[in-house]
Protein backbone atom coordinates (compact mmCIF):
# COMPACT_ATOMS: atom_id res chain seq x y z
CA MET A 1 -9.70 -34.87 6.86
CA THR A 2 -7.70 -31.65 6.42
CA THR A 3 -9.53 -28.35 6.68
CA VAL A 4 -8.83 -25.98 3.79
CA ARG A 5 -7.57 -22.59 4.98
CA TYR A 6 -8.93 -19.78 2.81
CA ASP A 7 -6.89 -17.14 4.65
CA LEU A 8 -3.42 -18.43 3.72
CA PRO A 9 -1.60 -16.71 0.86
CA THR A 10 0.10 -18.47 -2.03
CA PRO A 11 3.49 -16.74 -2.28
CA GLU A 12 4.82 -16.72 -5.81
CA GLY A 13 6.85 -14.42 -8.03
CA ASP A 14 6.75 -10.85 -6.79
CA THR A 15 4.85 -11.71 -3.61
CA ILE A 16 7.49 -13.97 -2.02
CA GLU A 17 9.59 -11.10 -0.69
CA PHE A 18 6.45 -9.33 0.59
CA TRP A 19 5.42 -12.37 2.67
CA ASN A 20 8.97 -12.94 3.94
CA ALA A 21 9.10 -9.31 5.10
CA ALA A 22 5.68 -9.57 6.76
CA LYS A 23 6.97 -12.55 8.77
CA ASP A 24 9.72 -10.17 9.97
CA GLU A 25 7.04 -7.53 10.74
CA ARG A 26 7.99 -5.22 7.88
CA LEU A 27 5.46 -3.84 5.39
CA LEU A 28 6.88 -3.68 1.87
CA ILE A 29 5.43 -1.78 -1.07
CA LYS A 30 6.91 -1.08 -4.50
CA HIS A 31 8.48 2.23 -5.53
CA CYS A 32 8.96 3.33 -9.15
CA GLY A 33 12.39 4.73 -9.93
CA ASP A 34 11.04 6.53 -13.01
CA CYS A 35 7.86 8.34 -11.93
CA GLY A 36 8.37 8.16 -8.15
CA GLU A 37 5.00 6.58 -7.36
CA PHE A 38 4.50 3.91 -4.70
CA SER A 39 2.26 0.94 -5.41
CA TYR A 40 0.62 -1.99 -3.72
CA TYR A 41 -0.08 -4.97 -4.50
CA PRO A 42 3.33 -6.42 -5.46
CA ARG A 43 3.92 -6.60 -9.22
CA PRO A 44 6.94 -6.30 -11.52
CA PHE A 45 5.93 -2.94 -13.05
CA CYS A 46 4.59 0.48 -12.07
CA PRO A 47 0.79 0.67 -12.55
CA LYS A 48 1.04 4.41 -13.27
CA CYS A 49 3.78 4.64 -15.93
CA TRP A 50 4.29 0.92 -16.73
CA SER A 51 8.03 1.13 -16.01
CA GLU A 52 9.75 -2.04 -14.85
CA ASN A 53 12.17 0.10 -12.80
CA VAL A 54 10.47 -0.78 -9.49
CA ALA A 55 12.06 -1.75 -6.20
CA TRP A 56 10.89 -2.72 -2.74
CA HIS A 57 10.42 0.05 -0.19
CA GLU A 58 9.69 -0.42 3.50
CA ALA A 59 6.48 1.49 4.18
CA SER A 60 6.09 3.62 7.30
CA GLY A 61 3.07 1.59 8.41
CA ASN A 62 0.99 4.76 8.85
CA ALA A 63 -2.41 4.83 7.18
CA THR A 64 -5.89 6.32 7.27
CA LEU A 65 -9.16 4.45 7.06
CA TYR A 66 -10.79 4.86 3.64
CA SER A 67 -13.71 2.43 3.94
CA TRP A 68 -14.77 -0.64 5.92
CA SER A 69 -17.41 -3.26 6.46
CA VAL A 70 -18.13 -5.23 9.59
CA ILE A 71 -18.40 -8.90 8.60
CA TYR A 72 -20.91 -10.79 10.72
CA SER A 73 -21.16 -13.97 8.67
CA ASN A 74 -18.47 -15.94 6.81
CA ASP A 75 -18.72 -19.71 6.61
CA GLN A 76 -15.24 -20.27 5.14
CA PRO A 77 -12.64 -21.65 7.54
CA PRO A 78 -11.15 -20.09 9.61
CA PHE A 79 -13.23 -16.92 9.22
CA LYS A 80 -16.30 -18.50 10.82
CA GLU A 81 -14.43 -18.48 14.15
CA ARG A 82 -13.34 -14.84 13.71
CA VAL A 83 -16.69 -13.11 13.10
CA PRO A 84 -17.44 -10.36 13.61
CA TYR A 85 -14.39 -8.65 12.09
CA VAL A 86 -13.62 -5.50 10.12
CA ALA A 87 -12.66 -5.79 6.46
CA ALA A 88 -11.13 -2.46 5.49
CA ILE A 89 -9.49 -0.44 2.77
CA VAL A 90 -6.75 1.81 4.11
CA ASP A 91 -4.76 4.58 2.45
CA LEU A 92 -1.07 4.11 3.23
CA SER A 93 0.74 7.38 3.94
CA GLU A 94 2.91 6.67 0.88
CA GLY A 95 -0.20 6.75 -1.33
CA PRO A 96 -1.38 3.24 -2.23
CA ARG A 97 -4.63 1.73 -1.01
CA MET A 98 -4.54 -1.65 0.68
CA MET A 99 -7.17 -4.14 1.79
CA SER A 100 -6.67 -5.40 5.31
CA ASN A 101 -8.42 -5.70 8.65
CA VAL A 102 -8.81 -3.16 11.43
CA GLU A 103 -8.41 -4.66 14.88
CA GLU A 104 -8.39 -3.45 18.49
CA CYS A 105 -11.14 -0.91 17.76
CA GLU A 106 -14.81 -0.83 18.69
CA PHE A 107 -16.96 -0.89 15.56
CA ASP A 108 -18.76 2.33 16.60
CA ASP A 109 -15.39 4.12 16.84
CA LEU A 110 -14.49 3.52 13.20
CA GLU A 111 -14.61 6.61 11.02
CA VAL A 112 -13.39 7.61 7.59
CA GLY A 113 -10.00 9.29 7.81
CA MET A 114 -9.07 7.89 11.23
CA ALA A 115 -5.34 7.43 11.76
CA LEU A 116 -4.12 3.83 11.75
CA LYS A 117 -0.80 2.05 12.10
CA VAL A 118 0.26 -1.37 10.93
CA LYS A 119 0.49 -4.30 13.29
CA PHE A 120 1.37 -7.86 12.35
CA ARG A 121 -0.61 -10.97 13.26
CA ALA A 122 0.59 -14.54 12.78
CA ILE A 123 -2.12 -16.61 11.10
CA SER A 124 -0.08 -19.83 10.93
CA ASP A 125 3.45 -21.02 11.64
CA GLU A 126 4.44 -19.91 8.13
CA PHE A 127 2.48 -16.69 7.61
CA THR A 128 2.12 -13.31 9.27
CA ILE A 129 -0.25 -10.68 7.87
CA PRO A 130 -0.35 -6.92 8.18
CA VAL A 131 -3.45 -5.59 9.95
CA PHE A 132 -4.16 -2.08 11.19
CA VAL A 133 -5.00 -0.67 14.60
CA PRO A 134 -5.84 2.89 15.72
CA ALA A 135 -2.73 5.07 15.85
């Protein structure tokens, strides 16, 4: 019997290039050529001005911690083996907010506004995800 993995993405459309870049340890976000805003999650238009003049931009990987929760219980595979872990929302230095995990940090050391940097973690042979660690 095959175990279902709830942590694996389903690359399609505008997300394919994002996941390919993550495998190469590059964090991509979208940039609008009309209003100049950056956005995340990948989509074919700017969420601010609705322009379709958007292109990929390699983000700096710098961020600050906006909010987090320490997860102590998650019965879905493979999260059950990972608890406890930090589910977080980070503000990328380019502006967009992103959900991710914070790793390599004691839970008591987490604080709003703390400086973070992206790190990449392989979660399977096919997929690598961006996570954040203290800068």
